[in-house]
N, C-alpha and C. Protein backbone atom coordinates (compact mmCIF):
# COMPACT_ATOMS: atom_id res chain seq x y z
N MET A 1 14.95 4.70 6.06
CA MET A 1 14.93 4.83 4.87
C MET A 1 13.84 4.79 3.94
N ARG A 2 13.15 3.88 4.21
CA ARG A 2 11.97 3.39 3.74
C ARG A 2 10.94 4.39 4.00
N GLU A 3 10.92 4.52 5.27
CA GLU A 3 9.78 5.51 5.56
C GLU A 3 9.74 7.10 4.92
N SER A 4 11.09 7.54 4.75
CA SER A 4 11.58 8.84 4.18
C SER A 4 10.67 8.67 2.60
N GLN A 5 11.29 7.51 1.88
CA GLN A 5 10.67 7.05 0.79
C GLN A 5 9.15 7.16 0.32
N LYS A 6 8.83 6.72 1.47
CA LYS A 6 7.00 6.60 1.14
C LYS A 6 6.48 8.28 1.35
N VAL A 7 7.03 8.86 2.55
CA VAL A 7 6.78 10.10 2.64
C VAL A 7 7.02 11.12 1.14
N ILE A 8 8.21 10.80 0.64
CA ILE A 8 8.41 11.41 -0.63
C ILE A 8 7.52 11.06 -1.55
N PHE A 9 6.88 10.17 -1.88
CA PHE A 9 6.22 9.79 -2.55
C PHE A 9 4.86 10.26 -2.50
N VAL A 10 4.26 10.02 -1.36
CA VAL A 10 3.07 10.61 -1.02
C VAL A 10 2.80 12.13 -1.73
N LEU A 11 4.19 12.99 -1.17
CA LEU A 11 3.83 14.36 -1.47
C LEU A 11 3.93 14.71 -2.89
N THR A 12 4.85 13.93 -3.28
CA THR A 12 4.94 14.39 -4.47
C THR A 12 3.72 13.88 -5.57
N PHE A 13 3.63 12.77 -5.69
CA PHE A 13 2.24 12.43 -6.05
C PHE A 13 1.06 13.25 -5.81
N THR A 14 0.70 13.59 -4.56
CA THR A 14 -0.46 14.25 -4.26
C THR A 14 -0.31 15.45 -4.66
N VAL A 15 0.78 16.33 -4.92
CA VAL A 15 0.98 17.43 -5.53
C VAL A 15 0.68 17.54 -6.84
N MET A 16 0.98 16.48 -7.65
CA MET A 16 1.02 16.60 -8.80
C MET A 16 -0.30 16.23 -9.41
N LEU A 17 -1.42 15.41 -8.35
CA LEU A 17 -2.49 15.03 -8.96
C LEU A 17 -3.61 15.86 -8.64
N LEU A 18 -3.16 16.88 -7.72
CA LEU A 18 -4.46 18.00 -7.00
C LEU A 18 -3.66 19.22 -8.06
N PHE A 19 -2.84 19.48 -8.53
CA PHE A 19 -2.65 20.67 -9.50
C PHE A 19 -2.87 20.29 -10.91
N SER A 20 -2.94 19.00 -11.29
CA SER A 20 -2.68 18.66 -12.44
C SER A 20 -4.24 19.06 -13.39
N PRO A 21 -3.92 19.73 -14.30
CA PRO A 21 -5.18 20.20 -15.13
C PRO A 21 -5.65 19.13 -15.90
N THR A 22 -4.88 18.30 -16.79
CA THR A 22 -5.57 17.55 -17.84
C THR A 22 -6.43 16.62 -16.77
N LEU A 23 -5.95 16.09 -15.59
CA LEU A 23 -6.92 15.13 -15.05
C LEU A 23 -8.37 15.74 -14.25
N THR A 24 -8.44 16.88 -14.47
CA THR A 24 -9.60 17.40 -13.73
C THR A 24 -11.01 17.69 -14.88
N THR A 25 -10.11 17.61 -15.86
CA THR A 25 -11.26 18.13 -17.12
C THR A 25 -12.45 17.24 -17.13
N GLY A 26 -13.52 17.86 -17.60
CA GLY A 26 -14.78 16.71 -17.54
C GLY A 26 -15.55 16.88 -16.41
N TYR A 27 -15.18 16.86 -15.22
CA TYR A 27 -16.26 16.95 -13.87
C TYR A 27 -17.30 17.40 -14.37
N ALA A 28 -16.96 18.84 -14.67
CA ALA A 28 -18.30 19.79 -14.49
C ALA A 28 -19.74 19.30 -15.66
N GLN A 29 -18.75 18.57 -16.48
CA GLN A 29 -20.34 17.97 -17.46
C GLN A 29 -20.72 16.58 -16.95
N GLU A 30 -19.90 16.24 -16.08
CA GLU A 30 -20.36 14.66 -15.21
C GLU A 30 -21.72 15.12 -14.41
N SER A 31 -21.18 15.98 -13.62
CA SER A 31 -21.77 16.24 -12.42
C SER A 31 -21.30 17.39 -11.60
N LYS A 32 -22.12 18.36 -11.34
CA LYS A 32 -21.55 19.56 -10.48
C LYS A 32 -21.22 19.03 -9.10
N GLU A 33 -21.86 18.27 -8.47
CA GLU A 33 -21.07 17.98 -7.26
C GLU A 33 -19.80 17.29 -6.98
N LEU A 34 -19.41 16.92 -8.51
CA LEU A 34 -17.90 16.05 -8.06
C LEU A 34 -17.00 17.12 -7.79
N PRO A 35 -16.50 18.26 -8.06
CA PRO A 35 -15.84 19.11 -7.47
C PRO A 35 -15.85 19.04 -6.14
N GLU A 36 -17.08 19.06 -5.39
CA GLU A 36 -17.03 19.62 -4.25
C GLU A 36 -16.79 18.03 -3.34
N MET A 37 -17.21 17.03 -3.96
CA MET A 37 -16.87 15.73 -3.31
C MET A 37 -15.35 15.51 -3.55
N TYR A 38 -14.84 15.69 -4.50
CA TYR A 38 -13.21 15.74 -4.76
C TYR A 38 -12.42 16.34 -3.44
N LYS A 39 -12.85 17.64 -3.40
CA LYS A 39 -12.05 18.60 -2.53
C LYS A 39 -12.56 17.70 -0.94
N LYS A 40 -13.64 17.66 -0.64
CA LYS A 40 -13.64 16.58 0.77
C LYS A 40 -13.13 15.72 0.62
N ALA A 41 -12.85 15.01 -0.47
CA ALA A 41 -11.98 13.65 -0.14
C ALA A 41 -10.73 14.01 -0.14
N ASN A 42 -10.14 14.83 -0.83
CA ASN A 42 -8.51 15.65 -0.72
C ASN A 42 -8.16 15.99 0.45
N ASP A 43 -9.69 16.67 1.47
CA ASP A 43 -8.99 17.43 2.65
C ASP A 43 -8.90 16.06 3.54
N HIS A 44 -9.77 14.90 3.48
CA HIS A 44 -9.69 13.93 4.55
C HIS A 44 -8.02 13.47 3.98
N PHE A 45 -7.59 13.26 3.13
CA PHE A 45 -6.47 12.52 2.57
C PHE A 45 -5.57 13.43 3.05
N MET A 46 -5.26 14.40 2.79
CA MET A 46 -4.11 15.52 3.41
C MET A 46 -3.99 15.58 5.02
N LEU A 47 -5.33 15.30 5.54
CA LEU A 47 -5.26 15.10 7.03
C LEU A 47 -4.87 13.83 7.28
N GLY A 48 -4.54 12.79 6.49
CA GLY A 48 -4.24 11.62 6.82
C GLY A 48 -5.51 10.74 7.36
N GLU A 49 -6.31 10.97 6.69
CA GLU A 49 -7.77 10.26 7.24
C GLU A 49 -8.31 9.36 6.02
N TYR A 50 -7.40 8.55 5.55
CA TYR A 50 -7.37 7.79 4.56
C TYR A 50 -8.85 6.89 4.51
N HIS A 51 -9.34 6.25 5.49
CA HIS A 51 -10.43 5.92 4.98
C HIS A 51 -11.78 6.44 4.56
N GLN A 52 -11.79 7.56 5.26
CA GLN A 52 -12.98 8.64 4.89
C GLN A 52 -12.75 8.92 3.53
N ALA A 53 -11.14 9.25 2.89
CA ALA A 53 -11.10 9.44 1.59
C ALA A 53 -11.48 8.73 0.67
N ILE A 54 -11.12 7.48 0.80
CA ILE A 54 -11.59 6.38 0.48
C ILE A 54 -13.02 6.35 -0.05
N GLU A 55 -13.83 6.14 1.02
CA GLU A 55 -15.10 6.34 1.01
C GLU A 55 -15.89 7.19 0.32
N ILE A 56 -15.08 8.41 -0.15
CA ILE A 56 -15.57 9.37 -0.92
C ILE A 56 -14.90 9.07 -2.22
N TYR A 57 -13.94 8.84 -2.38
CA TYR A 57 -13.47 8.60 -4.00
C TYR A 57 -14.14 7.37 -4.59
N ASP A 58 -14.57 6.50 -3.77
CA ASP A 58 -15.31 5.18 -4.14
C ASP A 58 -16.99 5.94 -4.39
N GLU A 59 -17.45 6.85 -4.00
CA GLU A 59 -18.48 7.73 -4.26
C GLU A 59 -18.37 7.92 -5.76
N ILE A 60 -17.64 9.15 -5.95
CA ILE A 60 -17.07 9.71 -7.00
C ILE A 60 -16.78 8.57 -8.36
N LEU A 61 -16.45 7.45 -7.85
CA LEU A 61 -16.21 6.46 -8.65
C LEU A 61 -17.31 5.62 -9.20
N ASP A 62 -18.56 5.85 -8.27
CA ASP A 62 -19.88 5.37 -8.70
C ASP A 62 -20.60 6.28 -9.84
N ILE A 63 -20.03 7.61 -9.58
CA ILE A 63 -20.63 8.62 -10.46
C ILE A 63 -19.38 8.53 -12.07
N SER A 64 -18.54 8.40 -11.71
CA SER A 64 -17.41 8.65 -12.95
C SER A 64 -16.19 7.65 -12.80
N PRO A 65 -16.66 6.33 -13.06
CA PRO A 65 -15.85 5.10 -12.89
C PRO A 65 -14.32 4.95 -13.49
N THR A 66 -14.28 5.95 -14.52
CA THR A 66 -12.77 5.88 -15.12
C THR A 66 -11.89 7.07 -15.00
N SER A 67 -12.49 7.86 -13.89
CA SER A 67 -11.64 9.08 -13.54
C SER A 67 -10.16 8.90 -13.11
N LYS A 68 -8.95 9.06 -14.26
CA LYS A 68 -7.91 8.70 -13.82
C LYS A 68 -7.50 9.36 -12.15
N LYS A 69 -7.83 10.60 -12.44
CA LYS A 69 -7.23 10.96 -10.68
C LYS A 69 -8.00 10.49 -9.70
N THR A 70 -9.16 10.41 -9.69
CA THR A 70 -9.77 9.67 -8.56
C THR A 70 -9.11 8.02 -8.29
N LEU A 71 -9.06 7.20 -9.20
CA LEU A 71 -8.21 5.96 -9.27
C LEU A 71 -6.90 6.31 -8.76
N LEU A 72 -5.92 7.22 -9.15
CA LEU A 72 -5.05 7.18 -8.47
C LEU A 72 -4.84 7.86 -6.73
N MET A 73 -5.62 8.89 -6.48
CA MET A 73 -5.70 8.92 -5.43
C MET A 73 -6.53 8.04 -4.61
N LYS A 74 -7.05 7.37 -4.83
CA LYS A 74 -7.65 5.91 -3.95
C LYS A 74 -6.49 5.32 -3.82
N GLY A 75 -5.47 5.02 -5.08
CA GLY A 75 -4.47 3.48 -4.75
C GLY A 75 -3.67 4.39 -4.03
N ILE A 76 -3.32 5.64 -3.92
CA ILE A 76 -2.20 6.11 -2.60
C ILE A 76 -2.70 6.02 -1.41
N ALA A 77 -4.06 6.39 -1.13
CA ALA A 77 -4.72 6.28 0.09
C ALA A 77 -4.73 4.94 0.47
N LEU A 78 -5.26 4.03 -0.51
CA LEU A 78 -4.73 2.59 -0.24
C LEU A 78 -3.30 2.01 0.24
N SER A 79 -2.33 2.62 -0.44
CA SER A 79 -1.18 2.21 -0.10
C SER A 79 -0.68 3.04 0.91
N ASN A 80 -1.00 4.02 1.34
CA ASN A 80 -0.52 4.76 2.56
C ASN A 80 -0.98 3.73 4.06
N LEU A 81 -2.30 3.18 3.62
CA LEU A 81 -2.96 2.43 4.52
C LEU A 81 -2.20 0.96 4.48
N GLU A 82 -1.29 0.60 4.05
CA GLU A 82 -0.35 -0.45 3.58
C GLU A 82 -1.40 -1.63 3.06
N ARG A 83 -2.41 -1.37 2.23
CA ARG A 83 -3.21 -2.14 1.90
C ARG A 83 -2.92 -2.29 0.05
N HIS A 84 -1.86 -2.99 -0.04
CA HIS A 84 -0.82 -2.59 -1.71
C HIS A 84 -1.51 -3.57 -2.45
N LYS A 85 -2.31 -4.80 -2.36
CA LYS A 85 -3.09 -5.49 -3.19
C LYS A 85 -3.84 -4.66 -3.71
N SER A 86 -4.98 -4.08 -2.67
CA SER A 86 -5.73 -3.26 -3.36
C SER A 86 -5.39 -1.86 -3.84
N SER A 87 -4.25 -1.09 -3.74
CA SER A 87 -3.92 -0.27 -4.22
C SER A 87 -3.42 -0.79 -5.54
N ILE A 88 -2.78 -1.88 -5.48
CA ILE A 88 -1.74 -1.95 -6.89
C ILE A 88 -3.15 -2.35 -8.23
N LEU A 89 -4.35 -2.85 -7.29
CA LEU A 89 -5.91 -2.84 -8.62
C LEU A 89 -6.01 -1.68 -8.95
N GLU A 90 -6.20 -0.63 -7.85
CA GLU A 90 -6.49 1.08 -8.64
C GLU A 90 -5.53 1.12 -9.76
N PHE A 91 -4.01 1.36 -9.16
CA PHE A 91 -2.98 1.54 -10.17
C PHE A 91 -3.08 0.92 -11.72
N TYR A 92 -3.50 -0.47 -11.72
CA TYR A 92 -3.61 -1.49 -12.92
C TYR A 92 -4.75 -0.57 -13.69
N LYS A 93 -5.88 -0.20 -12.99
CA LYS A 93 -7.16 0.07 -13.97
C LYS A 93 -6.66 1.37 -14.65
N VAL A 94 -5.92 2.39 -13.96
CA VAL A 94 -5.43 3.60 -14.68
C VAL A 94 -4.23 3.41 -15.64
N ASN A 95 -3.55 2.14 -15.35
CA ASN A 95 -2.81 1.55 -16.55
C ASN A 95 -3.14 0.85 -17.65
N GLN A 96 -4.38 0.70 -17.65
CA GLN A 96 -5.10 -0.04 -18.79
C GLN A 96 -5.73 0.94 -19.65
N GLN A 97 -6.04 2.23 -18.93
CA GLN A 97 -6.82 3.63 -19.71
C GLN A 97 -5.66 4.00 -20.29
N ASP A 98 -4.27 4.15 -19.42
CA ASP A 98 -3.14 5.07 -19.99
C ASP A 98 -2.06 4.60 -19.79
N PRO A 99 -1.54 3.63 -20.63
CA PRO A 99 -0.25 2.97 -20.20
C PRO A 99 0.95 3.73 -20.28
N GLN A 100 1.06 5.19 -20.89
CA GLN A 100 2.42 5.76 -20.26
C GLN A 100 1.87 6.99 -19.00
N ASN A 101 1.28 6.81 -18.19
CA ASN A 101 1.03 7.13 -17.19
C ASN A 101 2.05 7.18 -16.03
N ILE A 102 2.79 7.63 -15.69
CA ILE A 102 4.04 7.80 -14.83
C ILE A 102 3.55 7.36 -13.65
N SER A 103 2.34 8.12 -12.71
CA SER A 103 1.91 7.76 -11.58
C SER A 103 1.60 6.52 -11.17
N ALA A 104 0.81 6.38 -12.33
CA ALA A 104 0.18 4.54 -12.37
C ALA A 104 1.62 3.44 -12.16
N LEU A 105 2.53 3.84 -13.01
CA LEU A 105 3.52 2.87 -13.09
C LEU A 105 4.30 2.76 -12.00
N VAL A 106 4.69 4.42 -11.48
CA VAL A 106 5.33 4.32 -10.00
C VAL A 106 4.68 3.66 -8.85
N GLY A 107 3.19 3.80 -8.98
CA GLY A 107 2.37 3.14 -7.85
C GLY A 107 2.41 2.19 -7.85
N LEU A 108 2.17 1.17 -9.28
CA LEU A 108 2.52 0.06 -9.32
C LEU A 108 3.92 -0.72 -9.01
N GLY A 109 5.07 -0.21 -9.10
CA GLY A 109 6.27 -0.25 -8.72
C GLY A 109 6.09 -0.30 -7.05
N VAL A 110 5.65 0.48 -6.63
CA VAL A 110 5.53 0.82 -5.19
C VAL A 110 4.88 -0.28 -4.36
N GLY A 111 3.71 -0.66 -4.93
CA GLY A 111 3.05 -1.64 -4.60
C GLY A 111 3.58 -3.05 -4.67
N PHE A 112 4.08 -3.27 -5.64
CA PHE A 112 4.78 -4.59 -5.75
C PHE A 112 6.17 -4.41 -5.30
N GLY A 113 6.71 -3.66 -4.95
CA GLY A 113 8.19 -3.58 -4.15
C GLY A 113 7.42 -4.07 -2.66
N ASN A 114 6.49 -3.54 -1.91
CA ASN A 114 6.22 -3.59 -0.75
C ASN A 114 5.34 -5.23 -0.46
N PHE A 115 5.13 -6.05 -1.56
CA PHE A 115 5.12 -6.96 -1.47
C PHE A 115 6.14 -8.45 -0.75
N GLY A 116 7.52 -7.63 -1.13
CA GLY A 116 8.45 -8.22 -0.76
C GLY A 116 9.04 -9.60 -1.22
């Protein structure tokens, strides 16, 4: 049961984040290379290559440290690697920017829930 909940969580939030227009605005103004970096990170993410995705998300965050979409995707990747403390920190950063962000709140709940 817990494994199926994890799969549903990952799929739901991945789809939401990948296709959310409100979270992708501003990239073109910050750097022309960010969209390509983000695509590459998401490709790794979708293949389950979370370590590689996280490395690229970190590079994106060096350029755009408050990118909610990147912080959320990094948090999900960390959660999938069962690095729950680290994932909670990423979701918390989003929560600080946007306390009503449902993805961040759910991510925090999942992270704390996995501490048992």
